[in-house]
Amino acid sequence: VETSRLVVDEEFLPFPRHHFDLVMSSLSLHWVNDLESTFNQVLTTLKPDGAFIGAVLGGDSLQELRSAFILGDQERQGGISPHISPFMNVADAGNLLSATGFNLCTVDTDYIQVDYPNAFVLMEHLRGMGENNAVNSRGAPATRDSLLAAASIYQSMFGQPDGSVPATFQVIYLIGWSPHESQQKPLRRGSAQHSLKELGHD
């Protein structure tokens, strides 16, 4: 099978209209600034009845680290500042797909727990993955005192019997189809022959 490799900006896709049967994205869309525009471009590049399949980190990701930073900042600085980039929630993901024009949209979610020796190892791994905080309004970097406080709070609140700490990653899975006349369509409102109230009655 002939393949080609291109490195492109997800917000400015250089592909022609109706070019692909399938577009897939794995754990990168949370870095896109204008996700609606990207979804529009993906829809444009799909052939009719083509599919988009994506996986993106959801809003519950790193909830333990987020809580520890909030409490640590309050304790050491008397206020809070964002230390973790924002992620989308499940409802927004589905609404964006539908609003863009995808048909037969499906959204599902899964939670993955990864155990780390301590909060500092977790933060080092996040840096290694390029998942640093990218919020423009994040302010000054976290101070040593704030980091120590956050790590201590993380261990106190979420530490496990073996001394490790959990990090939760929520993954939102998305499927949407480019419109085509052959696709199943919802019935006209009020056209049902039976009422749900009849279920369970003899």
N, C-alpha and C. Protein backbone atom coordinates (compact mmCIF):
# COMPACT_ATOMS: atom_id res chain seq x y z
N VAL A 1 0.85 -1.18 0.00
CA VAL A 1 0.00 0.00 0.00
C VAL A 1 0.89 1.24 0.00
N GLU A 2 0.66 2.12 -0.93
CA GLU A 2 1.45 3.34 -1.01
C GLU A 2 1.00 4.32 0.08
N THR A 3 1.95 4.85 0.80
CA THR A 3 1.66 5.81 1.86
C THR A 3 2.51 7.06 1.68
N SER A 4 2.07 8.13 2.28
CA SER A 4 2.86 9.37 2.30
C SER A 4 2.72 9.99 3.68
N ARG A 5 3.73 10.73 4.09
CA ARG A 5 3.75 11.34 5.42
C ARG A 5 3.88 12.85 5.28
N LEU A 6 2.94 13.56 5.89
CA LEU A 6 2.95 15.01 5.86
C LEU A 6 2.86 15.54 7.28
N VAL A 7 3.56 16.62 7.56
CA VAL A 7 3.45 17.32 8.83
C VAL A 7 2.72 18.62 8.57
N VAL A 8 1.52 18.77 9.12
CA VAL A 8 0.69 19.94 8.82
C VAL A 8 0.11 20.50 10.12
N ASP A 9 -0.39 21.71 10.03
CA ASP A 9 -1.07 22.37 11.15
C ASP A 9 -2.51 21.90 11.18
N GLU A 10 -2.95 21.37 12.32
CA GLU A 10 -4.32 20.85 12.41
C GLU A 10 -5.38 21.93 12.22
N GLU A 11 -5.00 23.19 12.39
CA GLU A 11 -5.97 24.27 12.22
C GLU A 11 -6.00 24.81 10.80
N PHE A 12 -5.09 24.32 9.94
CA PHE A 12 -5.05 24.76 8.55
C PHE A 12 -4.72 23.55 7.68
N LEU A 13 -5.71 22.69 7.48
CA LEU A 13 -5.50 21.45 6.74
C LEU A 13 -5.37 21.75 5.24
N PRO A 14 -4.31 21.24 4.58
CA PRO A 14 -4.04 21.60 3.18
C PRO A 14 -4.63 20.62 2.17
N PHE A 15 -5.68 19.91 2.53
CA PHE A 15 -6.19 18.85 1.66
C PHE A 15 -7.42 19.32 0.88
N PRO A 16 -7.61 18.79 -0.33
CA PRO A 16 -8.75 19.22 -1.15
C PRO A 16 -10.08 18.66 -0.63
N ARG A 17 -11.14 19.18 -1.16
CA ARG A 17 -12.50 18.76 -0.78
C ARG A 17 -12.74 17.31 -1.19
N HIS A 18 -13.44 16.58 -0.33
CA HIS A 18 -13.83 15.19 -0.60
C HIS A 18 -12.62 14.33 -0.97
N HIS A 19 -11.58 14.38 -0.15
CA HIS A 19 -10.32 13.71 -0.47
C HIS A 19 -10.16 12.38 0.27
N PHE A 20 -10.71 12.27 1.47
CA PHE A 20 -10.46 11.09 2.31
C PHE A 20 -11.74 10.31 2.59
N ASP A 21 -11.58 8.98 2.72
CA ASP A 21 -12.67 8.13 3.20
C ASP A 21 -12.74 8.13 4.72
N LEU A 22 -11.59 8.34 5.36
CA LEU A 22 -11.51 8.27 6.82
C LEU A 22 -10.47 9.25 7.32
N VAL A 23 -10.81 9.98 8.38
CA VAL A 23 -9.87 10.86 9.08
C VAL A 23 -9.84 10.43 10.54
N MET A 24 -8.63 10.25 11.07
CA MET A 24 -8.49 9.82 12.46
C MET A 24 -7.58 10.80 13.21
N SER A 25 -7.87 10.99 14.49
CA SER A 25 -7.05 11.85 15.34
C SER A 25 -6.92 11.21 16.71
N SER A 26 -5.70 11.14 17.21
CA SER A 26 -5.46 10.47 18.49
C SER A 26 -4.77 11.40 19.48
N LEU A 27 -5.53 11.88 20.47
CA LEU A 27 -5.00 12.61 21.63
C LEU A 27 -4.17 13.83 21.25
N SER A 28 -4.66 14.60 20.28
CA SER A 28 -3.97 15.85 19.94
C SER A 28 -4.92 17.04 19.82
N LEU A 29 -6.21 16.79 19.70
CA LEU A 29 -7.15 17.88 19.45
C LEU A 29 -7.29 18.84 20.63
N HIS A 30 -6.86 18.44 21.83
CA HIS A 30 -6.96 19.37 22.96
C HIS A 30 -5.98 20.53 22.84
N TRP A 31 -5.06 20.46 21.88
CA TRP A 31 -4.13 21.57 21.63
C TRP A 31 -4.66 22.54 20.59
N VAL A 32 -5.77 22.22 19.95
CA VAL A 32 -6.32 23.08 18.89
C VAL A 32 -7.06 24.25 19.52
N ASN A 33 -6.76 25.45 19.05
CA ASN A 33 -7.42 26.65 19.59
C ASN A 33 -8.85 26.78 19.10
N ASP A 34 -9.07 26.57 17.80
CA ASP A 34 -10.40 26.72 17.20
C ASP A 34 -10.87 25.35 16.72
N LEU A 35 -11.43 24.58 17.63
CA LEU A 35 -11.81 23.21 17.30
C LEU A 35 -12.95 23.15 16.30
N GLU A 36 -13.87 24.11 16.37
CA GLU A 36 -14.98 24.13 15.42
C GLU A 36 -14.46 24.29 13.99
N SER A 37 -13.48 25.16 13.80
CA SER A 37 -12.89 25.35 12.48
C SER A 37 -12.20 24.08 11.99
N THR A 38 -11.48 23.42 12.89
CA THR A 38 -10.80 22.17 12.52
C THR A 38 -11.81 21.10 12.12
N PHE A 39 -12.90 20.96 12.90
CA PHE A 39 -13.94 20.00 12.54
C PHE A 39 -14.56 20.33 11.19
N ASN A 40 -14.76 21.60 10.91
CA ASN A 40 -15.30 22.01 9.60
C ASN A 40 -14.36 21.59 8.47
N GLN A 41 -13.07 21.78 8.68
CA GLN A 41 -12.10 21.40 7.66
C GLN A 41 -12.04 19.89 7.47
N VAL A 42 -12.13 19.15 8.58
CA VAL A 42 -12.15 17.69 8.48
C VAL A 42 -13.37 17.24 7.69
N LEU A 43 -14.53 17.83 8.00
CA LEU A 43 -15.76 17.47 7.28
C LEU A 43 -15.62 17.76 5.80
N THR A 44 -14.99 18.87 5.46
CA THR A 44 -14.82 19.25 4.06
C THR A 44 -13.91 18.27 3.32
N THR A 45 -12.89 17.77 3.99
CA THR A 45 -11.94 16.86 3.31
C THR A 45 -12.49 15.44 3.19
N LEU A 46 -13.54 15.11 3.93
CA LEU A 46 -14.12 13.77 3.85
C LEU A 46 -15.00 13.61 2.62
N LYS A 47 -14.95 12.43 2.02
CA LYS A 47 -15.89 12.09 0.97
C LYS A 47 -17.27 11.89 1.59
N PRO A 48 -18.35 12.00 0.80
CA PRO A 48 -19.67 11.70 1.33
C PRO A 48 -19.70 10.30 1.96
N ASP A 49 -20.28 10.19 3.14
CA ASP A 49 -20.33 8.96 3.92
C ASP A 49 -18.95 8.56 4.45
N GLY A 50 -18.02 9.51 4.47
CA GLY A 50 -16.72 9.25 5.10
C GLY A 50 -16.82 9.43 6.60
N ALA A 51 -15.89 8.86 7.32
CA ALA A 51 -15.97 8.85 8.78
C ALA A 51 -14.80 9.61 9.42
N PHE A 52 -15.12 10.29 10.51
CA PHE A 52 -14.09 10.87 11.37
C PHE A 52 -14.12 10.11 12.69
N ILE A 53 -12.96 9.64 13.13
CA ILE A 53 -12.82 8.95 14.41
C ILE A 53 -11.72 9.66 15.20
N GLY A 54 -12.05 10.09 16.39
CA GLY A 54 -11.08 10.83 17.18
C GLY A 54 -11.10 10.43 18.64
N ALA A 55 -9.98 10.67 19.30
CA ALA A 55 -9.87 10.51 20.75
C ALA A 55 -9.19 11.75 21.30
N VAL A 56 -9.77 12.34 22.34
CA VAL A 56 -9.25 13.58 22.89
C VAL A 56 -9.34 13.52 24.41
N LEU A 57 -8.39 14.15 25.09
CA LEU A 57 -8.43 14.18 26.55
C LEU A 57 -9.61 15.04 27.02
N GLY A 58 -10.33 14.53 28.02
CA GLY A 58 -11.52 15.22 28.53
C GLY A 58 -11.25 16.02 29.78
N GLY A 59 -12.25 16.77 30.19
CA GLY A 59 -12.13 17.73 31.28
C GLY A 59 -11.82 17.14 32.64
N ASP A 60 -12.05 15.84 32.84
CA ASP A 60 -11.74 15.22 34.13
C ASP A 60 -10.29 14.74 34.21
N SER A 61 -9.53 14.94 33.14
CA SER A 61 -8.13 14.50 33.14
C SER A 61 -7.33 15.28 34.18
N LEU A 62 -6.45 14.58 34.87
CA LEU A 62 -5.53 15.18 35.85
C LEU A 62 -6.28 15.93 36.95
N GLN A 63 -7.46 15.43 37.32
CA GLN A 63 -8.25 16.12 38.34
C GLN A 63 -7.54 16.13 39.70
N GLU A 64 -6.77 15.08 39.99
CA GLU A 64 -6.04 15.05 41.26
C GLU A 64 -4.97 16.14 41.30
N LEU A 65 -4.22 16.26 40.22
CA LEU A 65 -3.16 17.28 40.16
C LEU A 65 -3.74 18.68 40.19
N ARG A 66 -4.85 18.85 39.50
CA ARG A 66 -5.52 20.16 39.48
C ARG A 66 -5.95 20.56 40.90
N SER A 67 -6.55 19.63 41.62
CA SER A 67 -7.00 19.92 42.99
C SER A 67 -5.81 20.23 43.90
N ALA A 68 -4.73 19.48 43.76
CA ALA A 68 -3.55 19.70 44.60
C ALA A 68 -2.93 21.06 44.34
N PHE A 69 -2.89 21.48 43.08
CA PHE A 69 -2.34 22.80 42.75
C PHE A 69 -3.21 23.92 43.32
N ILE A 70 -4.52 23.77 43.21
CA ILE A 70 -5.42 24.80 43.74
C ILE A 70 -5.21 24.98 45.24
N LEU A 71 -5.18 23.88 45.96
CA LEU A 71 -5.01 23.96 47.42
C LEU A 71 -3.60 24.44 47.79
N GLY A 72 -2.60 24.00 47.03
CA GLY A 72 -1.23 24.43 47.30
C GLY A 72 -1.04 25.92 47.06
N ASP A 73 -1.63 26.44 45.98
CA ASP A 73 -1.55 27.88 45.70
C ASP A 73 -2.24 28.70 46.78
N GLN A 74 -3.41 28.22 47.19
CA GLN A 74 -4.14 28.94 48.24
C GLN A 74 -3.34 28.98 49.53
N GLU A 75 -2.69 27.88 49.84
CA GLU A 75 -1.93 27.79 51.09
C GLU A 75 -0.68 28.66 51.07
N ARG A 76 0.06 28.66 49.94
CA ARG A 76 1.35 29.34 49.89
C ARG A 76 1.29 30.74 49.29
N GLN A 77 0.29 31.01 48.42
CA GLN A 77 0.26 32.30 47.73
C GLN A 77 -1.01 33.10 48.01
N GLY A 78 -1.98 32.48 48.65
CA GLY A 78 -3.21 33.19 48.95
C GLY A 78 -4.12 33.39 47.76
N GLY A 79 -3.89 32.67 46.70
CA GLY A 79 -4.71 32.76 45.49
C GLY A 79 -4.33 31.62 44.56
N ILE A 80 -5.03 31.51 43.44
CA ILE A 80 -4.77 30.41 42.52
C ILE A 80 -4.49 30.94 41.12
N SER A 81 -3.74 30.15 40.36
CA SER A 81 -3.51 30.43 38.94
C SER A 81 -3.52 29.11 38.20
N PRO A 82 -3.88 29.10 36.91
CA PRO A 82 -3.98 27.83 36.19
C PRO A 82 -2.61 27.19 35.97
N HIS A 83 -2.50 25.91 36.26
CA HIS A 83 -1.27 25.16 36.03
C HIS A 83 -1.46 24.04 35.02
N ILE A 84 -2.71 23.77 34.65
CA ILE A 84 -3.02 22.69 33.72
C ILE A 84 -3.89 23.24 32.60
N SER A 85 -3.55 22.90 31.37
CA SER A 85 -4.33 23.38 30.23
C SER A 85 -5.76 22.86 30.32
N PRO A 86 -6.73 23.64 29.85
CA PRO A 86 -8.13 23.19 29.91
C PRO A 86 -8.41 22.11 28.87
N PHE A 87 -9.36 21.24 29.19
CA PHE A 87 -9.78 20.18 28.27
C PHE A 87 -11.29 20.30 28.06
N MET A 88 -11.78 19.76 26.95
CA MET A 88 -13.21 19.83 26.66
C MET A 88 -13.99 18.81 27.48
N ASN A 89 -15.29 19.07 27.64
CA ASN A 89 -16.13 18.08 28.31
C ASN A 89 -16.94 17.30 27.28
N VAL A 90 -17.58 16.24 27.74
CA VAL A 90 -18.27 15.32 26.84
C VAL A 90 -19.39 16.02 26.07
N ALA A 91 -20.19 16.83 26.76
CA ALA A 91 -21.31 17.51 26.10
C ALA A 91 -20.82 18.43 24.99
N ASP A 92 -19.76 19.19 25.26
CA ASP A 92 -19.23 20.10 24.25
C ASP A 92 -18.72 19.35 23.03
N ALA A 93 -18.10 18.20 23.25
CA ALA A 93 -17.57 17.41 22.14
C ALA A 93 -18.70 16.98 21.20
N GLY A 94 -19.77 16.44 21.77
CA GLY A 94 -20.90 16.02 20.94
C GLY A 94 -21.58 17.18 20.24
N ASN A 95 -21.75 18.29 20.97
CA ASN A 95 -22.40 19.46 20.38
C ASN A 95 -21.59 20.02 19.22
N LEU A 96 -20.26 20.04 19.37
CA LEU A 96 -19.41 20.56 18.30
C LEU A 96 -19.51 19.71 17.04
N LEU A 97 -19.49 18.39 17.22
CA LEU A 97 -19.62 17.51 16.06
C LEU A 97 -20.92 17.76 15.32
N SER A 98 -22.02 17.82 16.06
CA SER A 98 -23.34 18.02 15.45
C SER A 98 -23.44 19.39 14.80
N ALA A 99 -22.96 20.43 15.49
CA ALA A 99 -23.05 21.79 14.97
C ALA A 99 -22.22 21.95 13.70
N THR A 100 -21.15 21.19 13.58
CA THR A 100 -20.30 21.28 12.40
C THR A 100 -21.00 20.70 11.18
N GLY A 101 -21.88 19.72 11.39
CA GLY A 101 -22.59 19.12 10.26
C GLY A 101 -22.37 17.64 10.11
N PHE A 102 -21.67 17.02 11.06
CA PHE A 102 -21.51 15.57 11.01
C PHE A 102 -22.84 14.89 11.32
N ASN A 103 -23.06 13.73 10.71
CA ASN A 103 -24.24 12.93 10.97
C ASN A 103 -23.89 11.72 11.84
N LEU A 104 -24.93 11.13 12.43
CA LEU A 104 -24.79 9.89 13.20
C LEU A 104 -23.65 9.98 14.21
N CYS A 105 -23.63 11.06 14.94
CA CYS A 105 -22.54 11.31 15.88
C CYS A 105 -22.61 10.37 17.09
N THR A 106 -21.47 9.89 17.50
CA THR A 106 -21.36 9.04 18.68
C THR A 106 -20.25 9.57 19.56
N VAL A 107 -20.53 9.70 20.85
CA VAL A 107 -19.53 10.17 21.81
C VAL A 107 -19.51 9.19 22.98
N ASP A 108 -18.34 8.73 23.34
CA ASP A 108 -18.18 7.83 24.47
C ASP A 108 -16.97 8.29 25.29
N THR A 109 -16.86 7.80 26.49
CA THR A 109 -15.76 8.24 27.34
C THR A 109 -15.22 7.07 28.16
N ASP A 110 -13.95 7.17 28.51
CA ASP A 110 -13.31 6.14 29.31
C ASP A 110 -12.34 6.82 30.28
N TYR A 111 -12.12 6.19 31.41
CA TYR A 111 -11.19 6.72 32.41
C TYR A 111 -10.02 5.76 32.56
N ILE A 112 -8.82 6.30 32.47
CA ILE A 112 -7.61 5.50 32.60
C ILE A 112 -6.81 6.04 33.79
N GLN A 113 -6.48 5.18 34.72
CA GLN A 113 -5.68 5.59 35.88
C GLN A 113 -4.25 5.08 35.72
N VAL A 114 -3.31 5.99 35.85
CA VAL A 114 -1.89 5.65 35.78
C VAL A 114 -1.27 5.98 37.13
N ASP A 115 -0.55 5.03 37.71
CA ASP A 115 0.07 5.24 39.02
C ASP A 115 1.52 5.73 38.86
N TYR A 116 1.88 6.71 39.68
CA TYR A 116 3.23 7.27 39.67
C TYR A 116 3.83 7.20 41.07
N PRO A 117 5.16 7.14 41.17
CA PRO A 117 5.79 7.10 42.51
C PRO A 117 5.44 8.30 43.37
N ASN A 118 5.34 9.47 42.72
CA ASN A 118 4.97 10.69 43.44
C ASN A 118 4.56 11.76 42.43
N ALA A 119 4.10 12.90 42.92
CA ALA A 119 3.60 13.95 42.04
C ALA A 119 4.70 14.54 41.17
N PHE A 120 5.93 14.58 41.67
CA PHE A 120 7.03 15.15 40.88
C PHE A 120 7.35 14.29 39.66
N VAL A 121 7.28 12.97 39.81
CA VAL A 121 7.50 12.08 38.66
C VAL A 121 6.38 12.28 37.64
N LEU A 122 5.15 12.43 38.10
CA LEU A 122 4.03 12.71 37.20
C LEU A 122 4.28 13.99 36.41
N MET A 123 4.66 15.07 37.10
CA MET A 123 4.88 16.34 36.42
C MET A 123 6.03 16.25 35.42
N GLU A 124 7.07 15.47 35.76
CA GLU A 124 8.19 15.28 34.84
C GLU A 124 7.74 14.52 33.60
N HIS A 125 6.89 13.52 33.78
CA HIS A 125 6.36 12.77 32.64
C HIS A 125 5.49 13.66 31.76
N LEU A 126 4.69 14.53 32.36
CA LEU A 126 3.86 15.44 31.57
C LEU A 126 4.74 16.37 30.74
N ARG A 127 5.82 16.87 31.32
CA ARG A 127 6.75 17.71 30.55
C ARG A 127 7.37 16.91 29.41
N GLY A 128 7.74 15.66 29.69
CA GLY A 128 8.33 14.82 28.66
C GLY A 128 7.39 14.53 27.51
N MET A 129 6.09 14.48 27.80
CA MET A 129 5.08 14.24 26.76
C MET A 129 4.69 15.52 26.03
N GLY A 130 5.24 16.66 26.46
CA GLY A 130 4.86 17.93 25.85
C GLY A 130 3.52 18.43 26.33
N GLU A 131 3.05 17.92 27.47
CA GLU A 131 1.74 18.31 27.99
C GLU A 131 1.85 19.39 29.07
N ASN A 132 2.81 20.29 28.88
CA ASN A 132 2.93 21.42 29.80
C ASN A 132 1.72 22.32 29.71
N ASN A 133 1.57 23.17 30.70
CA ASN A 133 0.50 24.16 30.69
C ASN A 133 0.73 25.16 29.57
N ALA A 134 -0.26 25.33 28.69
CA ALA A 134 -0.12 26.24 27.56
C ALA A 134 -1.09 27.41 27.65
N VAL A 135 -1.70 27.65 28.80
CA VAL A 135 -2.65 28.75 28.95
C VAL A 135 -1.90 30.08 28.89
N ASN A 136 -2.34 30.99 28.02
CA ASN A 136 -1.66 32.27 27.87
C ASN A 136 -1.70 33.10 29.14
N SER A 137 -2.78 32.96 29.92
CA SER A 137 -2.96 33.78 31.12
C SER A 137 -2.50 33.06 32.38
N ARG A 138 -1.55 32.14 32.23
CA ARG A 138 -1.17 31.32 33.38
C ARG A 138 -0.35 32.08 34.41
N GLY A 139 0.18 33.25 34.07
CA GLY A 139 0.94 34.03 35.04
C GLY A 139 2.33 33.47 35.24
N ALA A 140 2.93 33.79 36.38
CA ALA A 140 4.29 33.36 36.67
C ALA A 140 4.34 31.86 36.92
N PRO A 141 5.49 31.23 36.64
CA PRO A 141 5.62 29.79 36.92
C PRO A 141 5.42 29.50 38.41
N ALA A 142 5.01 28.29 38.69
CA ALA A 142 4.80 27.89 40.08
C ALA A 142 6.11 27.99 40.86
N THR A 143 6.02 28.52 42.07
CA THR A 143 7.21 28.64 42.91
C THR A 143 7.56 27.28 43.52
N ARG A 144 8.78 27.20 44.04
CA ARG A 144 9.21 25.96 44.68
C ARG A 144 8.29 25.62 45.86
N ASP A 145 7.92 26.63 46.63
CA ASP A 145 7.03 26.40 47.76
C ASP A 145 5.69 25.84 47.32
N SER A 146 5.14 26.41 46.23
CA SER A 146 3.84 25.94 45.72
C SER A 146 3.93 24.51 45.23
N LEU A 147 5.03 24.17 44.54
CA LEU A 147 5.21 22.81 44.05
C LEU A 147 5.32 21.81 45.19
N LEU A 148 6.09 22.18 46.21
CA LEU A 148 6.23 21.30 47.37
C LEU A 148 4.90 21.11 48.09
N ALA A 149 4.14 22.21 48.21
CA ALA A 149 2.83 22.12 48.86
C ALA A 149 1.88 21.25 48.05
N ALA A 150 1.87 21.45 46.73
CA ALA A 150 0.98 20.66 45.86
C ALA A 150 1.33 19.18 45.94
N ALA A 151 2.63 18.87 45.91
CA ALA A 151 3.04 17.46 45.98
C ALA A 151 2.65 16.83 47.31
N SER A 152 2.81 17.58 48.39
CA SER A 152 2.44 17.07 49.71
C SER A 152 0.93 16.85 49.81
N ILE A 153 0.16 17.80 49.30
CA ILE A 153 -1.31 17.67 49.32
C ILE A 153 -1.75 16.51 48.44
N TYR A 154 -1.13 16.37 47.28
CA TYR A 154 -1.44 15.26 46.37
C TYR A 154 -1.27 13.93 47.11
N GLN A 155 -0.12 13.79 47.77
CA GLN A 155 0.16 12.54 48.49
C GLN A 155 -0.84 12.33 49.63
N SER A 156 -1.17 13.40 50.33
CA SER A 156 -2.07 13.29 51.48
C SER A 156 -3.49 12.93 51.05
N MET A 157 -3.96 13.54 49.96
CA MET A 157 -5.34 13.34 49.52
C MET A 157 -5.54 12.07 48.70
N PHE A 158 -4.55 11.73 47.88
CA PHE A 158 -4.75 10.66 46.91
C PHE A 158 -3.74 9.52 47.02
N GLY A 159 -2.79 9.62 47.96
CA GLY A 159 -1.77 8.59 48.08
C GLY A 159 -2.36 7.21 48.34
N GLN A 160 -1.75 6.20 47.75
CA GLN A 160 -2.21 4.82 47.86
C GLN A 160 -1.35 4.06 48.88
N PRO A 161 -1.83 2.91 49.35
CA PRO A 161 -1.11 2.17 50.40
C PRO A 161 0.36 1.89 50.07
N ASP A 162 0.67 1.71 48.78
CA ASP A 162 2.06 1.41 48.41
C ASP A 162 2.90 2.67 48.25
N GLY A 163 2.31 3.85 48.54
CA GLY A 163 3.05 5.10 48.45
C GLY A 163 2.92 5.81 47.12
N SER A 164 2.37 5.15 46.12
CA SER A 164 2.21 5.78 44.80
C SER A 164 1.00 6.70 44.80
N VAL A 165 0.91 7.52 43.75
CA VAL A 165 -0.25 8.40 43.59
C VAL A 165 -0.88 8.14 42.22
N PRO A 166 -2.21 8.20 42.12
CA PRO A 166 -2.87 7.96 40.84
C PRO A 166 -3.02 9.26 40.05
N ALA A 167 -2.99 9.12 38.74
CA ALA A 167 -3.31 10.23 37.84
C ALA A 167 -4.40 9.74 36.90
N THR A 168 -5.52 10.44 36.88
CA THR A 168 -6.66 10.04 36.06
C THR A 168 -6.63 10.78 34.73
N PHE A 169 -6.81 10.02 33.66
CA PHE A 169 -6.93 10.59 32.32
C PHE A 169 -8.30 10.19 31.76
N GLN A 170 -9.10 11.18 31.42
CA GLN A 170 -10.38 10.92 30.77
C GLN A 170 -10.18 11.02 29.27
N VAL A 171 -10.57 9.98 28.55
CA VAL A 171 -10.46 9.99 27.09
C VAL A 171 -11.87 10.02 26.50
N ILE A 172 -12.12 11.01 25.66
CA ILE A 172 -13.41 11.13 24.98
C ILE A 172 -13.23 10.62 23.55
N TYR A 173 -14.07 9.66 23.16
CA TYR A 173 -14.00 9.08 21.82
C TYR A 173 -15.13 9.66 20.97
N LEU A 174 -14.79 10.06 19.76
CA LEU A 174 -15.74 10.74 18.88
C LEU A 174 -15.84 10.00 17.55
N ILE A 175 -17.06 9.85 17.06
CA ILE A 175 -17.28 9.33 15.71
C ILE A 175 -18.34 10.19 15.04
N GLY A 176 -18.06 10.63 13.83
CA GLY A 176 -19.02 11.40 13.06
C GLY A 176 -18.89 11.05 11.58
N TRP A 177 -20.00 11.13 10.87
CA TRP A 177 -20.01 10.74 9.45
C TRP A 177 -20.35 11.94 8.58
N SER A 178 -19.64 12.02 7.46
CA SER A 178 -19.97 13.04 6.46
C SER A 178 -21.33 12.70 5.85
N PRO A 179 -22.22 13.69 5.70
CA PRO A 179 -23.59 13.40 5.23
C PRO A 179 -23.63 12.68 3.88
N HIS A 180 -24.59 11.77 3.76
CA HIS A 180 -24.83 11.06 2.51
C HIS A 180 -26.28 10.60 2.51
N GLU A 181 -26.89 10.57 1.34
CA GLU A 181 -28.33 10.27 1.25
C GLU A 181 -28.66 8.85 1.69
N SER A 182 -27.68 7.95 1.70
CA SER A 182 -27.95 6.56 2.09
C SER A 182 -28.01 6.37 3.60
N GLN A 183 -27.62 7.38 4.36
CA GLN A 183 -27.56 7.22 5.81
C GLN A 183 -28.95 7.21 6.44
N GLN A 184 -29.04 6.47 7.55
CA GLN A 184 -30.30 6.40 8.28
C GLN A 184 -30.68 7.79 8.79
N LYS A 185 -31.96 8.12 8.67
CA LYS A 185 -32.45 9.43 9.10
C LYS A 185 -33.49 9.25 10.20
N PRO A 186 -33.56 10.20 11.12
CA PRO A 186 -34.57 10.10 12.18
C PRO A 186 -35.97 10.23 11.61
N LEU A 187 -36.93 9.53 12.21
CA LEU A 187 -38.31 9.62 11.76
C LEU A 187 -38.89 10.99 12.08
N ARG A 188 -39.91 11.36 11.31
CA ARG A 188 -40.58 12.64 11.53
C ARG A 188 -41.21 12.65 12.91
N ARG A 189 -41.10 13.77 13.60
CA ARG A 189 -41.65 13.89 14.95
C ARG A 189 -43.15 13.60 14.93
N GLY A 190 -43.60 12.74 15.85
CA GLY A 190 -45.02 12.40 15.93
C GLY A 190 -45.44 11.26 15.04
N SER A 191 -44.49 10.63 14.33
CA SER A 191 -44.86 9.57 13.40
C SER A 191 -44.85 8.18 14.04
N ALA A 192 -44.51 8.09 15.31
CA ALA A 192 -44.45 6.78 15.99
C ALA A 192 -45.84 6.14 16.04
N GLN A 193 -45.88 4.82 15.92
CA GLN A 193 -47.15 4.08 15.94
C GLN A 193 -47.53 3.64 17.36
N HIS A 194 -46.55 3.62 18.26
CA HIS A 194 -46.81 3.17 19.62
C HIS A 194 -46.18 4.15 20.60
N SER A 195 -46.75 4.20 21.79
CA SER A 195 -46.22 5.07 22.84
C SER A 195 -45.34 4.27 23.79
N LEU A 196 -44.31 4.92 24.32
CA LEU A 196 -43.46 4.26 25.32
C LEU A 196 -44.26 3.86 26.55
N LYS A 197 -45.39 4.54 26.78
CA LYS A 197 -46.22 4.20 27.93
C LYS A 197 -46.80 2.79 27.83
N GLU A 198 -46.87 2.27 26.59
CA GLU A 198 -47.43 0.94 26.39
C GLU A 198 -46.47 -0.17 26.81
N LEU A 199 -45.18 0.18 26.92
CA LEU A 199 -44.20 -0.84 27.29
C LEU A 199 -44.47 -1.33 28.71
N GLY A 200 -44.39 -2.62 28.90
CA GLY A 200 -44.59 -3.18 30.23
C GLY A 200 -46.04 -3.52 30.52
N HIS A 201 -46.95 -3.15 29.60
CA HIS A 201 -48.36 -3.50 29.80
C HIS A 201 -48.70 -4.73 28.98
N ASP A 202 -49.51 -5.60 29.55
CA ASP A 202 -49.94 -6.81 28.84
C ASP A 202 -50.90 -6.46 27.72
